[in-house]
N, C-alpha and C. Protein backbone atom coordinates (compact mmCIF):
# COMPACT_ATOMS: atom_id res chain seq x y z
N MET A 1 -83.98 106.55 -10.11
CA MET A 1 -84.76 107.58 -9.47
C MET A 1 -84.64 107.43 -7.95
N SER A 2 -84.31 108.50 -7.31
CA SER A 2 -84.16 108.52 -5.86
C SER A 2 -85.52 108.36 -5.18
N ARG A 3 -85.50 107.58 -4.10
CA ARG A 3 -86.73 107.37 -3.33
C ARG A 3 -86.38 107.34 -1.86
N LYS A 4 -87.13 108.07 -1.04
CA LYS A 4 -86.91 108.07 0.40
C LYS A 4 -87.43 106.76 0.98
N VAL A 5 -86.67 106.19 1.90
CA VAL A 5 -87.04 104.94 2.57
C VAL A 5 -87.01 105.21 4.07
N THR A 6 -88.09 104.85 4.75
CA THR A 6 -88.15 105.04 6.20
C THR A 6 -88.58 103.74 6.86
N THR A 7 -87.86 103.37 7.90
CA THR A 7 -88.18 102.19 8.69
C THR A 7 -88.56 102.64 10.09
N ARG A 8 -89.70 102.21 10.56
CA ARG A 8 -90.14 102.53 11.92
C ARG A 8 -89.42 101.62 12.91
N THR A 9 -88.92 102.21 13.97
CA THR A 9 -88.27 101.45 15.04
C THR A 9 -88.76 102.00 16.36
N GLU A 10 -88.24 101.44 17.43
CA GLU A 10 -88.52 101.95 18.77
C GLU A 10 -87.26 102.53 19.37
N ILE A 11 -86.34 102.98 18.53
CA ILE A 11 -85.06 103.52 18.98
C ILE A 11 -85.28 104.98 19.38
N THR A 12 -85.38 105.21 20.66
CA THR A 12 -85.59 106.56 21.17
C THR A 12 -84.63 106.93 22.30
N ASN A 13 -83.88 105.96 22.80
CA ASN A 13 -82.93 106.22 23.88
C ASN A 13 -81.59 106.59 23.26
N LYS A 14 -81.20 107.86 23.39
CA LYS A 14 -79.98 108.36 22.75
C LYS A 14 -78.74 107.62 23.25
N ASP A 15 -78.63 107.40 24.55
CA ASP A 15 -77.43 106.75 25.10
C ASP A 15 -77.29 105.33 24.57
N VAL A 16 -78.38 104.59 24.53
CA VAL A 16 -78.33 103.21 24.03
C VAL A 16 -78.06 103.21 22.53
N ALA A 17 -78.67 104.14 21.79
CA ALA A 17 -78.44 104.22 20.35
C ALA A 17 -76.97 104.51 20.04
N VAL A 18 -76.38 105.44 20.77
CA VAL A 18 -74.97 105.78 20.56
C VAL A 18 -74.09 104.58 20.91
N ALA A 19 -74.40 103.88 22.01
CA ALA A 19 -73.63 102.68 22.38
C ALA A 19 -73.72 101.62 21.29
N ALA A 20 -74.91 101.45 20.73
CA ALA A 20 -75.11 100.46 19.67
C ALA A 20 -74.29 100.81 18.44
N LEU A 21 -74.30 102.08 18.06
CA LEU A 21 -73.54 102.50 16.88
C LEU A 21 -72.04 102.39 17.11
N GLN A 22 -71.59 102.68 18.32
CA GLN A 22 -70.17 102.53 18.63
C GLN A 22 -69.77 101.07 18.58
N PHE A 23 -70.60 100.18 19.13
CA PHE A 23 -70.31 98.75 19.11
C PHE A 23 -70.27 98.23 17.67
N ALA A 24 -71.19 98.74 16.83
CA ALA A 24 -71.26 98.32 15.43
C ALA A 24 -70.20 99.02 14.57
N GLN A 25 -69.46 99.93 15.19
CA GLN A 25 -68.42 100.70 14.51
C GLN A 25 -68.98 101.51 13.34
N VAL A 26 -70.17 102.09 13.56
CA VAL A 26 -70.79 102.96 12.58
C VAL A 26 -70.49 104.40 12.99
N GLN A 27 -69.82 105.13 12.13
CA GLN A 27 -69.53 106.52 12.42
C GLN A 27 -70.83 107.31 12.38
N HIS A 28 -70.93 108.28 13.27
CA HIS A 28 -72.17 109.03 13.39
C HIS A 28 -71.93 110.38 14.06
N THR A 29 -72.89 111.26 13.88
CA THR A 29 -72.88 112.57 14.52
C THR A 29 -74.23 112.76 15.19
N VAL A 30 -74.20 113.17 16.45
CA VAL A 30 -75.44 113.42 17.19
C VAL A 30 -75.71 114.91 17.17
N ASP A 31 -76.93 115.27 16.78
CA ASP A 31 -77.34 116.67 16.76
C ASP A 31 -78.76 116.74 17.32
N GLY A 32 -78.86 117.03 18.61
CA GLY A 32 -80.16 117.08 19.26
C GLY A 32 -80.81 115.70 19.26
N ASN A 33 -82.00 115.60 18.67
CA ASN A 33 -82.72 114.34 18.61
C ASN A 33 -82.48 113.58 17.31
N TYR A 34 -81.43 113.93 16.59
CA TYR A 34 -81.11 113.26 15.34
C TYR A 34 -79.70 112.68 15.41
N ILE A 35 -79.55 111.51 14.83
CA ILE A 35 -78.23 110.91 14.68
C ILE A 35 -78.01 110.69 13.19
N TYR A 36 -76.95 111.29 12.66
CA TYR A 36 -76.61 111.19 11.25
C TYR A 36 -75.53 110.12 11.09
N LEU A 37 -75.83 109.10 10.32
CA LEU A 37 -74.93 107.96 10.14
C LEU A 37 -74.04 108.22 8.93
N SER A 38 -72.75 107.91 9.07
CA SER A 38 -71.82 108.31 8.02
C SER A 38 -70.80 107.24 7.63
N SER A 39 -71.12 105.98 7.87
CA SER A 39 -70.19 104.94 7.42
C SER A 39 -70.94 103.66 7.09
N GLY A 40 -70.29 102.84 6.27
CA GLY A 40 -70.85 101.55 5.92
C GLY A 40 -72.14 101.66 5.14
N GLU A 41 -72.93 100.60 5.17
CA GLU A 41 -74.19 100.57 4.42
C GLU A 41 -75.23 101.54 4.96
N LEU A 42 -74.99 102.06 6.16
CA LEU A 42 -75.92 103.02 6.75
C LEU A 42 -75.54 104.47 6.46
N SER A 43 -74.44 104.69 5.74
CA SER A 43 -73.98 106.04 5.44
C SER A 43 -75.08 106.84 4.74
N GLY A 44 -75.34 108.03 5.26
CA GLY A 44 -76.35 108.90 4.70
C GLY A 44 -77.72 108.75 5.34
N ALA A 45 -77.89 107.77 6.21
CA ALA A 45 -79.18 107.55 6.88
C ALA A 45 -79.27 108.47 8.10
N ILE A 46 -80.49 108.73 8.52
CA ILE A 46 -80.74 109.60 9.67
C ILE A 46 -81.68 108.89 10.63
N LEU A 47 -81.31 108.88 11.91
CA LEU A 47 -82.15 108.30 12.96
C LEU A 47 -82.79 109.44 13.74
N ASN A 48 -84.11 109.46 13.77
CA ASN A 48 -84.88 110.45 14.50
C ASN A 48 -85.25 109.84 15.85
N LEU A 49 -84.66 110.34 16.93
CA LEU A 49 -84.87 109.77 18.26
C LEU A 49 -86.24 110.12 18.85
N GLU A 50 -86.93 111.10 18.29
CA GLU A 50 -88.27 111.42 18.78
C GLU A 50 -89.28 110.39 18.29
N THR A 51 -89.17 110.00 17.02
CA THR A 51 -90.13 109.08 16.43
C THR A 51 -89.61 107.65 16.34
N GLY A 52 -88.29 107.49 16.39
CA GLY A 52 -87.68 106.18 16.21
C GLY A 52 -87.48 105.82 14.74
N ASP A 53 -87.85 106.73 13.82
CA ASP A 53 -87.71 106.45 12.40
C ASP A 53 -86.25 106.50 11.96
N VAL A 54 -85.89 105.57 11.09
CA VAL A 54 -84.59 105.59 10.43
C VAL A 54 -84.88 105.83 8.95
N SER A 55 -84.37 106.93 8.41
CA SER A 55 -84.66 107.30 7.03
C SER A 55 -83.39 107.29 6.20
N GLY A 56 -83.56 106.91 4.95
CA GLY A 56 -82.44 106.90 4.02
C GLY A 56 -82.95 107.16 2.62
N ASP A 57 -82.12 106.86 1.65
CA ASP A 57 -82.44 107.12 0.26
C ASP A 57 -81.94 105.97 -0.59
N THR A 58 -82.74 105.56 -1.56
CA THR A 58 -82.34 104.45 -2.42
C THR A 58 -81.08 104.77 -3.21
N ASP A 59 -80.80 106.05 -3.46
CA ASP A 59 -79.56 106.42 -4.16
C ASP A 59 -78.32 106.03 -3.36
N PHE A 60 -78.46 105.89 -2.04
CA PHE A 60 -77.36 105.46 -1.18
C PHE A 60 -77.40 103.95 -0.92
N GLY A 61 -78.31 103.26 -1.61
CA GLY A 61 -78.44 101.81 -1.44
C GLY A 61 -79.28 101.41 -0.25
N HIS A 62 -79.98 102.39 0.32
CA HIS A 62 -80.82 102.09 1.48
C HIS A 62 -82.09 101.37 1.06
N SER A 63 -82.49 100.44 1.89
CA SER A 63 -83.76 99.73 1.73
C SER A 63 -84.30 99.51 3.14
N HIS A 64 -85.53 99.05 3.24
CA HIS A 64 -86.07 98.75 4.57
C HIS A 64 -85.19 97.72 5.26
N ARG A 65 -84.72 96.76 4.51
CA ARG A 65 -83.89 95.71 5.09
C ARG A 65 -82.54 96.24 5.58
N SER A 66 -81.88 97.05 4.76
CA SER A 66 -80.56 97.56 5.16
C SER A 66 -80.67 98.51 6.34
N LEU A 67 -81.75 99.30 6.41
CA LEU A 67 -81.92 100.21 7.53
C LEU A 67 -82.32 99.48 8.80
N SER A 68 -82.93 98.31 8.66
CA SER A 68 -83.38 97.55 9.83
C SER A 68 -82.24 96.96 10.64
N VAL A 69 -81.04 96.88 10.05
CA VAL A 69 -79.91 96.31 10.77
C VAL A 69 -79.61 97.10 12.05
N ILE A 70 -79.93 98.39 12.03
CA ILE A 70 -79.70 99.20 13.23
C ILE A 70 -80.56 98.72 14.39
N LYS A 71 -81.74 98.17 14.10
CA LYS A 71 -82.60 97.65 15.18
C LYS A 71 -81.93 96.49 15.91
N GLN A 72 -81.20 95.68 15.17
CA GLN A 72 -80.52 94.53 15.78
C GLN A 72 -79.43 95.01 16.74
N TYR A 73 -78.64 95.98 16.31
CA TYR A 73 -77.59 96.51 17.18
C TYR A 73 -78.19 97.21 18.40
N TYR A 74 -79.28 97.93 18.20
CA TYR A 74 -79.94 98.63 19.31
C TYR A 74 -80.49 97.63 20.33
N ALA A 75 -81.13 96.57 19.84
CA ALA A 75 -81.69 95.56 20.74
C ALA A 75 -80.59 94.93 21.59
N GLU A 76 -79.45 94.67 20.96
CA GLU A 76 -78.33 94.09 21.71
C GLU A 76 -77.82 95.08 22.76
N ALA A 77 -77.64 96.34 22.37
CA ALA A 77 -77.16 97.35 23.32
C ALA A 77 -78.15 97.54 24.47
N LEU A 78 -79.43 97.52 24.16
CA LEU A 78 -80.45 97.66 25.20
C LEU A 78 -80.40 96.48 26.16
N PHE A 79 -80.25 95.27 25.62
CA PHE A 79 -80.15 94.09 26.48
C PHE A 79 -78.90 94.18 27.36
N ARG A 80 -77.78 94.57 26.77
CA ARG A 80 -76.54 94.68 27.55
C ARG A 80 -76.68 95.71 28.67
N THR A 81 -77.36 96.82 28.38
CA THR A 81 -77.57 97.87 29.38
C THR A 81 -78.42 97.35 30.53
N GLU A 82 -79.53 96.71 30.19
CA GLU A 82 -80.42 96.18 31.23
C GLU A 82 -79.77 95.02 31.99
N ALA A 83 -79.01 94.18 31.29
CA ALA A 83 -78.34 93.06 31.94
C ALA A 83 -77.31 93.55 32.95
N ALA A 84 -76.59 94.60 32.58
CA ALA A 84 -75.57 95.15 33.49
C ALA A 84 -76.21 95.68 34.78
N LYS A 85 -77.42 96.22 34.65
CA LYS A 85 -78.11 96.75 35.83
C LYS A 85 -78.43 95.67 36.85
N ILE A 86 -78.65 94.43 36.39
CA ILE A 86 -79.01 93.36 37.32
C ILE A 86 -77.85 92.39 37.57
N GLY A 87 -76.67 92.75 37.09
CA GLY A 87 -75.48 91.95 37.38
C GLY A 87 -75.25 90.77 36.45
N THR A 88 -75.88 90.76 35.29
CA THR A 88 -75.69 89.69 34.32
C THR A 88 -74.46 89.99 33.47
N THR A 89 -73.68 88.96 33.22
CA THR A 89 -72.47 89.11 32.42
C THR A 89 -72.63 88.37 31.10
N ILE A 90 -72.33 89.06 30.00
CA ILE A 90 -72.35 88.43 28.68
C ILE A 90 -71.04 87.67 28.51
N ASP A 91 -71.15 86.35 28.31
CA ASP A 91 -69.96 85.52 28.17
C ASP A 91 -69.50 85.39 26.73
N GLN A 92 -70.46 85.36 25.81
CA GLN A 92 -70.10 85.11 24.42
C GLN A 92 -71.13 85.74 23.49
N ARG A 93 -70.64 86.25 22.37
CA ARG A 93 -71.52 86.80 21.33
C ARG A 93 -71.18 86.11 20.02
N SER A 94 -72.20 85.69 19.30
CA SER A 94 -71.99 85.08 17.99
C SER A 94 -73.22 85.39 17.13
N THR A 95 -73.15 85.01 15.87
CA THR A 95 -74.31 85.14 14.99
C THR A 95 -74.64 83.77 14.42
N ASP A 96 -75.93 83.53 14.21
CA ASP A 96 -76.33 82.24 13.64
C ASP A 96 -76.37 82.32 12.11
N ALA A 97 -76.80 81.26 11.47
CA ALA A 97 -76.79 81.16 10.01
C ALA A 97 -77.66 82.24 9.36
N GLU A 98 -78.70 82.70 10.04
CA GLU A 98 -79.59 83.73 9.48
C GLU A 98 -79.09 85.14 9.78
N GLY A 99 -77.99 85.25 10.53
CA GLY A 99 -77.43 86.56 10.87
C GLY A 99 -77.96 87.14 12.17
N SER A 100 -78.76 86.37 12.90
CA SER A 100 -79.27 86.84 14.19
C SER A 100 -78.15 86.77 15.24
N ILE A 101 -78.16 87.73 16.14
CA ILE A 101 -77.17 87.77 17.21
C ILE A 101 -77.56 86.79 18.30
N VAL A 102 -76.59 86.02 18.76
CA VAL A 102 -76.81 85.05 19.85
C VAL A 102 -75.88 85.46 21.00
N LEU A 103 -76.47 85.72 22.16
CA LEU A 103 -75.71 86.08 23.35
C LEU A 103 -75.83 84.97 24.37
N ASN A 104 -74.72 84.59 24.95
CA ASN A 104 -74.71 83.64 26.08
C ASN A 104 -74.29 84.43 27.31
N TRP A 105 -75.02 84.24 28.39
CA TRP A 105 -74.74 85.00 29.60
C TRP A 105 -74.99 84.17 30.84
N HIS A 106 -74.54 84.73 31.97
CA HIS A 106 -74.83 84.12 33.25
C HIS A 106 -75.13 85.23 34.25
N THR A 107 -75.86 84.88 35.27
CA THR A 107 -76.18 85.84 36.32
C THR A 107 -75.26 85.60 37.51
N ALA A 108 -75.09 86.64 38.28
CA ALA A 108 -74.20 86.55 39.45
C ALA A 108 -74.83 85.74 40.56
C-alpha cells in the first residue's frame, strides 16, 4: 500500500539546493519553488522550497531516512557557500564509518 512520506528540512535556498543536488549527482528539474528529483534513491521525491519539505512515496522506496540524505548534501553545499565567502578552502572531503561527511579546510 502506497503511503506518502514527508521529511521536514530547512532547505529553502534554491541556489544552494541546486548546487547540493549537482554535487550529489542527483538529476532534478526546477519548477518555481519545487524541485523534482529523478535519479537514484531520491527518484520521484519532491522538494518544496517554500516549506523545506521533502516528500516521497513508499512505493518508490522512500522513507524518512532515505529522504533525509538530501539534508546532508544541502548542509555541505551551504557550508561550502559560506566558507567561500570568507576565503576558506576545503582541502579534503571524506565520510566516516557512520556515513557522516567530514570536511577538512583552512582559512586564508
